[in-house]
């Protein structure tokens, strides 16, 4: 019912990518080649983000894994919450580790759509309280979906 929300219990980044790619292929969001493309792209272009709210109140982490458009069959952000934090390299400073539980996989089949998706995600991340509130919704997929639509992360179908 909510193919764009996934809860995982991965222990490593490769395990997370296996689980997510398998799910995305099963629901028809990506091609068979997506998994390998995801692994290869993450190795070269890390997607971890450190969200520093600048008021000193908190530092949060998220990641926005994605591939080239040719591996994507739909235009969708897929929210994945992992049960434990996984180490992802920071996208700007790959020497820095980000301990991430909230993942926003960008599935984008159109070159021109990427900027809007990224803009919406960054706005969501830097708005104080958004990630914390998302965590408070626990495993209620309906509430998570409604919240992410309201915040512009998910689009209405």
N, C-alpha and C. Protein backbone atom coordinates (compact mmCIF):
# COMPACT_ATOMS: atom_id res chain seq x y z
N UNK A 1 0.81 -1.20 0.00
CA UNK A 1 0.00 0.00 0.00
C UNK A 1 0.86 1.27 0.00
N UNK A 2 2.04 1.17 0.63
CA UNK A 2 2.97 2.31 0.66
C UNK A 2 4.33 1.86 0.14
N UNK A 3 4.46 1.66 -1.17
CA UNK A 3 5.73 1.15 -1.71
C UNK A 3 6.88 2.14 -1.57
N UNK A 4 6.57 3.40 -1.26
CA UNK A 4 7.63 4.40 -1.13
C UNK A 4 8.04 4.65 0.33
N UNK A 5 7.64 3.73 1.22
CA UNK A 5 8.09 3.77 2.62
C UNK A 5 8.54 2.37 2.98
N UNK A 6 9.75 2.27 3.52
CA UNK A 6 10.32 0.96 3.82
C UNK A 6 11.05 1.04 5.16
N UNK A 7 10.82 0.04 6.00
CA UNK A 7 11.55 -0.08 7.26
C UNK A 7 12.50 -1.26 7.13
N UNK A 8 13.77 -1.04 7.46
CA UNK A 8 14.78 -2.08 7.29
C UNK A 8 15.54 -2.29 8.59
N UNK A 9 16.23 -3.42 8.64
CA UNK A 9 17.09 -3.76 9.78
C UNK A 9 18.48 -4.14 9.28
N UNK A 10 18.99 -3.39 8.33
CA UNK A 10 20.31 -3.67 7.76
C UNK A 10 21.40 -3.36 8.78
N UNK A 11 22.49 -4.10 8.67
CA UNK A 11 23.64 -3.86 9.56
C UNK A 11 24.79 -3.16 8.85
N UNK A 12 24.71 -3.12 7.52
CA UNK A 12 25.76 -2.48 6.73
C UNK A 12 25.14 -1.75 5.54
N UNK A 13 25.91 -0.86 4.95
CA UNK A 13 25.45 -0.16 3.76
C UNK A 13 25.15 -1.14 2.61
N UNK A 14 26.04 -2.11 2.34
CA UNK A 14 25.71 -3.06 1.26
C UNK A 14 24.41 -3.83 1.52
N UNK A 15 24.17 -4.21 2.76
CA UNK A 15 22.93 -4.92 3.08
C UNK A 15 21.72 -4.01 2.86
N UNK A 16 21.84 -2.75 3.26
CA UNK A 16 20.74 -1.80 3.03
C UNK A 16 20.46 -1.67 1.54
N UNK A 17 21.51 -1.50 0.75
CA UNK A 17 21.33 -1.36 -0.70
C UNK A 17 20.71 -2.62 -1.30
N UNK A 18 21.09 -3.79 -0.81
CA UNK A 18 20.47 -5.04 -1.28
C UNK A 18 18.97 -5.04 -1.01
N UNK A 19 18.60 -4.72 0.22
CA UNK A 19 17.19 -4.73 0.61
C UNK A 19 16.37 -3.72 -0.17
N UNK A 20 16.89 -2.51 -0.26
CA UNK A 20 16.14 -1.44 -0.92
C UNK A 20 16.04 -1.69 -2.42
N UNK A 21 17.14 -2.06 -3.06
CA UNK A 21 17.12 -2.31 -4.50
C UNK A 21 16.17 -3.45 -4.85
N UNK A 22 16.17 -4.49 -4.04
CA UNK A 22 15.26 -5.62 -4.27
C UNK A 22 13.81 -5.16 -4.17
N UNK A 23 13.50 -4.38 -3.15
CA UNK A 23 12.14 -3.85 -2.98
C UNK A 23 11.75 -2.96 -4.16
N UNK A 24 12.64 -2.05 -4.53
CA UNK A 24 12.33 -1.10 -5.61
C UNK A 24 12.13 -1.81 -6.94
N UNK A 25 12.92 -2.84 -7.18
CA UNK A 25 12.75 -3.60 -8.42
C UNK A 25 11.41 -4.35 -8.40
N UNK A 26 11.09 -4.93 -7.24
CA UNK A 26 9.84 -5.69 -7.10
C UNK A 26 8.61 -4.82 -7.34
N UNK A 27 8.64 -3.56 -6.88
CA UNK A 27 7.48 -2.67 -7.06
C UNK A 27 7.51 -1.93 -8.39
N UNK A 28 8.53 -2.20 -9.20
CA UNK A 28 8.58 -1.62 -10.54
C UNK A 28 9.10 -0.19 -10.62
N UNK A 29 9.87 0.22 -9.63
CA UNK A 29 10.42 1.58 -9.61
C UNK A 29 11.75 1.70 -10.35
N UNK A 30 12.50 0.57 -10.42
CA UNK A 30 13.85 0.62 -10.99
C UNK A 30 14.12 -0.60 -11.88
N UNK A 31 15.21 -0.50 -12.64
CA UNK A 31 15.63 -1.61 -13.50
C UNK A 31 16.47 -2.61 -12.71
N UNK A 32 16.75 -3.74 -13.34
CA UNK A 32 17.61 -4.75 -12.71
C UNK A 32 19.01 -4.23 -12.46
N UNK A 33 19.46 -3.29 -13.26
CA UNK A 33 20.81 -2.76 -13.14
C UNK A 33 20.94 -1.71 -12.03
N UNK A 34 19.83 -1.31 -11.45
CA UNK A 34 19.82 -0.26 -10.44
C UNK A 34 20.76 -0.56 -9.27
N UNK A 35 20.69 -1.77 -8.74
CA UNK A 35 21.48 -2.11 -7.55
C UNK A 35 22.96 -1.86 -7.78
N UNK A 36 23.50 -2.38 -8.86
CA UNK A 36 24.92 -2.20 -9.13
C UNK A 36 25.26 -0.72 -9.35
N UNK A 37 24.38 -0.01 -10.05
CA UNK A 37 24.60 1.41 -10.29
C UNK A 37 24.59 2.20 -8.97
N UNK A 38 23.72 1.81 -8.06
CA UNK A 38 23.64 2.47 -6.75
C UNK A 38 24.94 2.28 -5.97
N UNK A 39 25.42 1.06 -5.93
CA UNK A 39 26.67 0.74 -5.21
C UNK A 39 27.84 1.52 -5.81
N UNK A 40 27.93 1.50 -7.14
CA UNK A 40 29.04 2.17 -7.81
C UNK A 40 28.99 3.69 -7.61
N UNK A 41 27.82 4.26 -7.71
CA UNK A 41 27.71 5.72 -7.55
C UNK A 41 28.02 6.15 -6.13
N UNK A 42 27.54 5.42 -5.15
CA UNK A 42 27.79 5.77 -3.75
C UNK A 42 29.28 5.73 -3.43
N UNK A 43 30.00 4.80 -4.04
CA UNK A 43 31.45 4.69 -3.81
C UNK A 43 32.20 5.92 -4.32
N UNK A 44 31.72 6.49 -5.42
CA UNK A 44 32.39 7.64 -6.04
C UNK A 44 31.80 8.97 -5.55
N UNK A 45 30.48 9.01 -5.42
CA UNK A 45 29.78 10.23 -5.00
C UNK A 45 28.94 9.93 -3.76
N UNK A 46 29.53 10.02 -2.57
CA UNK A 46 28.79 9.70 -1.34
C UNK A 46 27.57 10.61 -1.17
N UNK A 47 26.57 10.11 -0.43
CA UNK A 47 25.31 10.85 -0.31
C UNK A 47 24.92 11.18 1.12
N UNK A 48 25.82 11.00 2.07
CA UNK A 48 25.52 11.35 3.45
C UNK A 48 25.43 12.85 3.65
N UNK A 49 24.51 13.27 4.49
CA UNK A 49 24.33 14.69 4.80
C UNK A 49 24.35 14.90 6.31
N UNK A 50 25.08 15.91 6.72
CA UNK A 50 25.08 16.34 8.12
C UNK A 50 24.19 17.57 8.19
N UNK A 51 23.10 17.47 8.92
CA UNK A 51 22.15 18.57 9.02
C UNK A 51 22.42 19.30 10.34
N UNK A 52 23.10 20.42 10.22
CA UNK A 52 23.44 21.25 11.38
C UNK A 52 22.48 22.43 11.39
N UNK A 53 21.65 22.50 12.39
CA UNK A 53 20.59 23.51 12.42
C UNK A 53 21.08 24.91 12.79
N UNK A 54 22.37 25.09 12.91
CA UNK A 54 23.02 26.41 13.09
C UNK A 54 22.68 27.11 14.39
N UNK A 55 21.60 26.71 15.05
CA UNK A 55 21.31 27.33 16.34
C UNK A 55 21.94 26.51 17.47
N UNK A 56 22.71 25.48 17.09
CA UNK A 56 23.40 24.66 18.07
C UNK A 56 22.52 23.65 18.76
N UNK A 57 21.27 23.55 18.36
CA UNK A 57 20.34 22.67 19.05
C UNK A 57 20.54 21.20 18.75
N UNK A 58 21.00 20.89 17.55
CA UNK A 58 21.11 19.49 17.19
C UNK A 58 21.87 19.33 15.88
N UNK A 59 22.49 18.18 15.76
CA UNK A 59 23.08 17.77 14.49
C UNK A 59 22.42 16.45 14.13
N UNK A 60 21.82 16.40 12.96
CA UNK A 60 21.13 15.20 12.49
C UNK A 60 21.78 14.75 11.20
N UNK A 61 21.52 13.50 10.85
CA UNK A 61 22.08 12.96 9.62
C UNK A 61 20.98 12.35 8.76
N UNK A 62 21.19 12.42 7.47
CA UNK A 62 20.31 11.78 6.49
C UNK A 62 21.19 11.41 5.30
N UNK A 63 20.64 10.66 4.38
CA UNK A 63 21.35 10.35 3.14
C UNK A 63 20.35 10.33 2.00
N UNK A 64 20.85 10.68 0.80
CA UNK A 64 19.98 10.75 -0.38
C UNK A 64 20.57 9.90 -1.51
N UNK A 65 20.64 8.58 -1.32
CA UNK A 65 21.20 7.72 -2.37
C UNK A 65 20.40 7.83 -3.67
N UNK A 66 21.12 7.81 -4.79
CA UNK A 66 20.46 7.88 -6.10
C UNK A 66 21.42 7.40 -7.19
N UNK A 67 20.86 7.19 -8.36
CA UNK A 67 21.62 6.75 -9.53
C UNK A 67 21.31 7.68 -10.70
N UNK A 68 21.88 7.34 -11.83
CA UNK A 68 21.53 8.04 -13.06
C UNK A 68 20.09 7.70 -13.43
N UNK A 69 19.48 8.56 -14.21
CA UNK A 69 18.06 8.41 -14.56
C UNK A 69 17.77 7.13 -15.33
N UNK A 70 18.72 6.61 -16.08
CA UNK A 70 18.45 5.44 -16.93
C UNK A 70 18.11 4.18 -16.13
N UNK A 71 18.38 4.18 -14.83
CA UNK A 71 18.06 3.03 -13.99
C UNK A 71 16.73 3.19 -13.26
N UNK A 72 16.08 4.31 -13.45
CA UNK A 72 14.84 4.64 -12.75
C UNK A 72 13.65 4.59 -13.71
N UNK A 73 12.55 4.01 -13.26
CA UNK A 73 11.37 3.86 -14.10
C UNK A 73 10.24 4.80 -13.70
N UNK A 74 10.36 5.43 -12.54
CA UNK A 74 9.34 6.35 -12.04
C UNK A 74 10.03 7.58 -11.44
N UNK A 75 9.23 8.54 -11.03
CA UNK A 75 9.75 9.73 -10.35
C UNK A 75 9.17 9.71 -8.94
N UNK A 76 10.02 9.40 -7.98
CA UNK A 76 9.53 9.16 -6.63
C UNK A 76 10.67 9.30 -5.63
N UNK A 77 10.38 9.80 -4.47
CA UNK A 77 11.31 9.71 -3.35
C UNK A 77 10.83 8.55 -2.50
N UNK A 78 11.75 7.68 -2.11
CA UNK A 78 11.42 6.53 -1.28
C UNK A 78 12.08 6.74 0.08
N UNK A 79 11.26 6.78 1.11
CA UNK A 79 11.78 6.97 2.47
C UNK A 79 12.08 5.62 3.09
N UNK A 80 13.29 5.47 3.59
CA UNK A 80 13.72 4.23 4.25
C UNK A 80 14.24 4.59 5.63
N UNK A 81 13.67 3.95 6.64
CA UNK A 81 14.18 4.11 8.01
C UNK A 81 14.82 2.79 8.42
N UNK A 82 16.09 2.86 8.76
CA UNK A 82 16.79 1.67 9.21
C UNK A 82 16.77 1.62 10.74
N UNK A 83 16.75 0.41 11.30
CA UNK A 83 16.63 0.25 12.74
C UNK A 83 17.87 0.71 13.50
N UNK A 84 19.01 0.76 12.84
CA UNK A 84 20.23 1.26 13.48
C UNK A 84 20.96 2.18 12.51
N UNK A 85 21.77 3.05 13.07
CA UNK A 85 22.52 3.99 12.23
C UNK A 85 23.58 3.25 11.43
N UNK A 86 23.68 3.62 10.16
CA UNK A 86 24.70 3.07 9.27
C UNK A 86 25.65 4.19 8.87
N UNK A 87 26.91 3.83 8.67
CA UNK A 87 27.91 4.82 8.29
C UNK A 87 27.86 5.08 6.80
N UNK A 88 27.64 6.34 6.46
CA UNK A 88 27.71 6.82 5.08
C UNK A 88 28.72 7.95 5.06
N UNK A 89 29.44 8.08 3.98
CA UNK A 89 30.39 9.18 3.84
C UNK A 89 29.64 10.47 3.49
N UNK A 90 30.13 11.58 4.01
CA UNK A 90 29.53 12.89 3.77
C UNK A 90 29.72 13.28 2.30
N UNK A 91 28.68 13.83 1.68
CA UNK A 91 28.75 14.13 0.24
C UNK A 91 29.71 15.27 -0.09
N UNK A 92 29.93 16.20 0.82
CA UNK A 92 30.84 17.31 0.56
C UNK A 92 32.25 16.98 1.04
N UNK A 93 32.35 16.38 2.21
CA UNK A 93 33.63 16.01 2.80
C UNK A 93 33.65 14.50 3.04
N UNK A 94 34.07 13.70 2.05
CA UNK A 94 34.04 12.24 2.16
C UNK A 94 34.89 11.66 3.30
N UNK A 95 35.74 12.49 3.90
CA UNK A 95 36.51 12.03 5.06
C UNK A 95 35.63 11.94 6.31
N UNK A 96 34.51 12.62 6.28
CA UNK A 96 33.62 12.68 7.44
C UNK A 96 32.55 11.60 7.35
N UNK A 97 32.34 10.90 8.46
CA UNK A 97 31.29 9.88 8.53
C UNK A 97 29.98 10.49 9.00
N UNK A 98 28.90 10.01 8.42
CA UNK A 98 27.55 10.38 8.84
C UNK A 98 26.88 9.10 9.33
N UNK A 99 26.32 9.14 10.52
CA UNK A 99 25.62 7.98 11.07
C UNK A 99 24.13 8.16 10.80
N UNK A 100 23.64 7.41 9.82
CA UNK A 100 22.33 7.68 9.22
C UNK A 100 21.32 6.58 9.52
N UNK A 101 20.12 6.99 9.92
CA UNK A 101 18.98 6.06 10.01
C UNK A 101 17.88 6.43 9.02
N UNK A 102 17.87 7.70 8.58
CA UNK A 102 16.84 8.18 7.65
C UNK A 102 17.42 8.35 6.25
N UNK A 103 16.88 7.58 5.32
CA UNK A 103 17.37 7.59 3.94
C UNK A 103 16.24 8.01 3.01
N UNK A 104 16.57 8.85 2.06
CA UNK A 104 15.61 9.33 1.08
C UNK A 104 16.16 8.98 -0.29
N UNK A 105 15.79 7.81 -0.79
CA UNK A 105 16.27 7.34 -2.09
C UNK A 105 15.54 8.11 -3.18
N UNK A 106 16.30 8.76 -4.03
CA UNK A 106 15.72 9.54 -5.12
C UNK A 106 15.63 8.65 -6.35
N UNK A 107 14.40 8.37 -6.77
CA UNK A 107 14.15 7.58 -7.97
C UNK A 107 13.62 8.57 -9.00
N UNK A 108 14.45 8.91 -9.96
CA UNK A 108 14.10 9.98 -10.88
C UNK A 108 14.43 9.58 -12.31
N UNK A 109 13.41 9.43 -13.13
CA UNK A 109 13.60 8.99 -14.52
C UNK A 109 13.79 10.15 -15.49
N UNK A 110 13.71 11.38 -14.99
CA UNK A 110 13.80 12.55 -15.88
C UNK A 110 14.93 13.47 -15.41
N UNK A 111 15.79 13.84 -16.33
CA UNK A 111 16.92 14.70 -15.98
C UNK A 111 16.50 16.01 -15.35
N UNK A 112 15.44 16.60 -15.85
CA UNK A 112 15.06 17.94 -15.37
C UNK A 112 14.39 17.94 -14.01
N UNK A 113 14.00 16.81 -13.48
CA UNK A 113 13.29 16.78 -12.20
C UNK A 113 14.18 16.80 -10.97
N UNK A 114 15.46 16.53 -11.14
CA UNK A 114 16.37 16.36 -10.01
C UNK A 114 16.49 17.61 -9.13
N UNK A 115 16.56 18.77 -9.74
CA UNK A 115 16.76 20.00 -8.98
C UNK A 115 15.60 20.27 -8.03
N UNK A 116 14.38 20.07 -8.48
CA UNK A 116 13.21 20.29 -7.63
C UNK A 116 13.19 19.31 -6.48
N UNK A 117 13.48 18.05 -6.77
CA UNK A 117 13.50 17.03 -5.72
C UNK A 117 14.54 17.38 -4.66
N UNK A 118 15.75 17.71 -5.09
CA UNK A 118 16.81 18.06 -4.15
C UNK A 118 16.45 19.30 -3.33
N UNK A 119 15.88 20.29 -3.96
CA UNK A 119 15.48 21.51 -3.27
C UNK A 119 14.45 21.20 -2.18
N UNK A 120 13.46 20.39 -2.51
CA UNK A 120 12.43 20.01 -1.54
C UNK A 120 13.04 19.24 -0.37
N UNK A 121 13.96 18.33 -0.67
CA UNK A 121 14.60 17.55 0.39
C UNK A 121 15.45 18.44 1.30
N UNK A 122 16.26 19.30 0.72
CA UNK A 122 17.11 20.17 1.53
C UNK A 122 16.26 21.08 2.42
N UNK A 123 15.20 21.63 1.87
CA UNK A 123 14.30 22.46 2.68
C UNK A 123 13.73 21.65 3.84
N UNK A 124 13.34 20.41 3.56
CA UNK A 124 12.82 19.54 4.61
C UNK A 124 13.87 19.30 5.69
N UNK A 125 15.10 18.99 5.28
CA UNK A 125 16.16 18.68 6.24
C UNK A 125 16.51 19.86 7.13
N UNK A 126 16.60 21.05 6.56
CA UNK A 126 17.09 22.19 7.33
C UNK A 126 15.99 22.90 8.13
N UNK A 127 14.76 22.47 7.97
CA UNK A 127 13.68 23.06 8.77
C UNK A 127 13.63 22.35 10.11
N UNK A 128 13.92 23.10 11.15
CA UNK A 128 14.01 22.53 12.49
C UNK A 128 12.74 21.77 12.86
N UNK A 129 12.96 20.56 13.36
CA UNK A 129 11.86 19.74 13.84
C UNK A 129 11.34 18.72 12.85
N UNK A 130 11.63 18.90 11.56
CA UNK A 130 11.07 17.98 10.56
C UNK A 130 11.55 16.54 10.74
N UNK A 131 12.87 16.33 10.84
CA UNK A 131 13.38 14.97 10.99
C UNK A 131 12.97 14.37 12.34
N UNK A 132 12.97 15.17 13.37
CA UNK A 132 12.55 14.68 14.70
C UNK A 132 11.09 14.26 14.69
N UNK A 133 10.24 15.08 14.06
CA UNK A 133 8.83 14.74 13.99
C UNK A 133 8.62 13.47 13.16
N UNK A 134 9.37 13.34 12.09
CA UNK A 134 9.29 12.13 11.26
C UNK A 134 9.59 10.90 12.11
N UNK A 135 10.63 10.97 12.93
CA UNK A 135 10.98 9.86 13.81
C UNK A 135 9.87 9.55 14.81
N UNK A 136 9.17 10.58 15.27
CA UNK A 136 8.10 10.39 16.26
C UNK A 136 6.91 9.63 15.69
N UNK A 137 6.81 9.56 14.38
CA UNK A 137 5.68 8.86 13.75
C UNK A 137 5.87 7.34 13.77
N UNK A 138 7.02 6.90 14.26
CA UNK A 138 7.33 5.47 14.41
C UNK A 138 7.11 4.72 13.10
N UNK A 139 6.29 3.66 13.15
CA UNK A 139 6.09 2.83 11.95
C UNK A 139 4.71 3.02 11.31
N UNK A 140 4.10 4.16 11.55
CA UNK A 140 2.78 4.46 10.99
C UNK A 140 2.95 4.99 9.56
N UNK A 141 2.88 4.09 8.59
CA UNK A 141 3.15 4.47 7.20
C UNK A 141 2.17 5.51 6.67
N UNK A 142 0.92 5.43 7.08
CA UNK A 142 -0.06 6.43 6.63
C UNK A 142 0.32 7.82 7.13
N UNK A 143 0.67 7.91 8.41
CA UNK A 143 1.05 9.20 8.98
C UNK A 143 2.35 9.72 8.35
N UNK A 144 3.30 8.83 8.12
CA UNK A 144 4.56 9.22 7.47
C UNK A 144 4.29 9.74 6.07
N UNK A 145 3.48 9.01 5.32
CA UNK A 145 3.15 9.42 3.96
C UNK A 145 2.47 10.78 3.94
N UNK A 146 1.47 10.96 4.80
CA UNK A 146 0.77 12.25 4.87
C UNK A 146 1.73 13.39 5.21
N UNK A 147 2.61 13.14 6.17
CA UNK A 147 3.56 14.17 6.60
C UNK A 147 4.52 14.53 5.47
N UNK A 148 5.06 13.53 4.78
CA UNK A 148 6.02 13.80 3.72
C UNK A 148 5.35 14.44 2.49
N UNK A 149 4.08 14.15 2.26
CA UNK A 149 3.33 14.87 1.21
C UNK A 149 3.15 16.33 1.63
N UNK A 150 2.73 16.54 2.87
CA UNK A 150 2.51 17.89 3.39
C UNK A 150 3.79 18.74 3.29
N UNK A 151 4.93 18.12 3.53
CA UNK A 151 6.21 18.84 3.53
C UNK A 151 6.86 18.92 2.15
N UNK A 152 6.21 18.35 1.13
CA UNK A 152 6.72 18.46 -0.23
C UNK A 152 7.78 17.45 -0.61
N UNK A 153 8.04 16.47 0.26
CA UNK A 153 9.02 15.43 -0.04
C UNK A 153 8.41 14.41 -0.99
N UNK A 154 7.21 13.93 -0.66
CA UNK A 154 6.46 13.05 -1.54
C UNK A 154 5.53 13.90 -2.39
N UNK A 155 5.27 13.44 -3.59
CA UNK A 155 4.32 14.12 -4.47
C UNK A 155 3.01 13.33 -4.47
N UNK A 156 1.91 14.03 -4.68
CA UNK A 156 0.63 13.34 -4.86
C UNK A 156 0.69 12.56 -6.16
N UNK A 157 0.14 11.36 -6.15
CA UNK A 157 0.11 10.55 -7.38
C UNK A 157 -1.03 10.98 -8.27
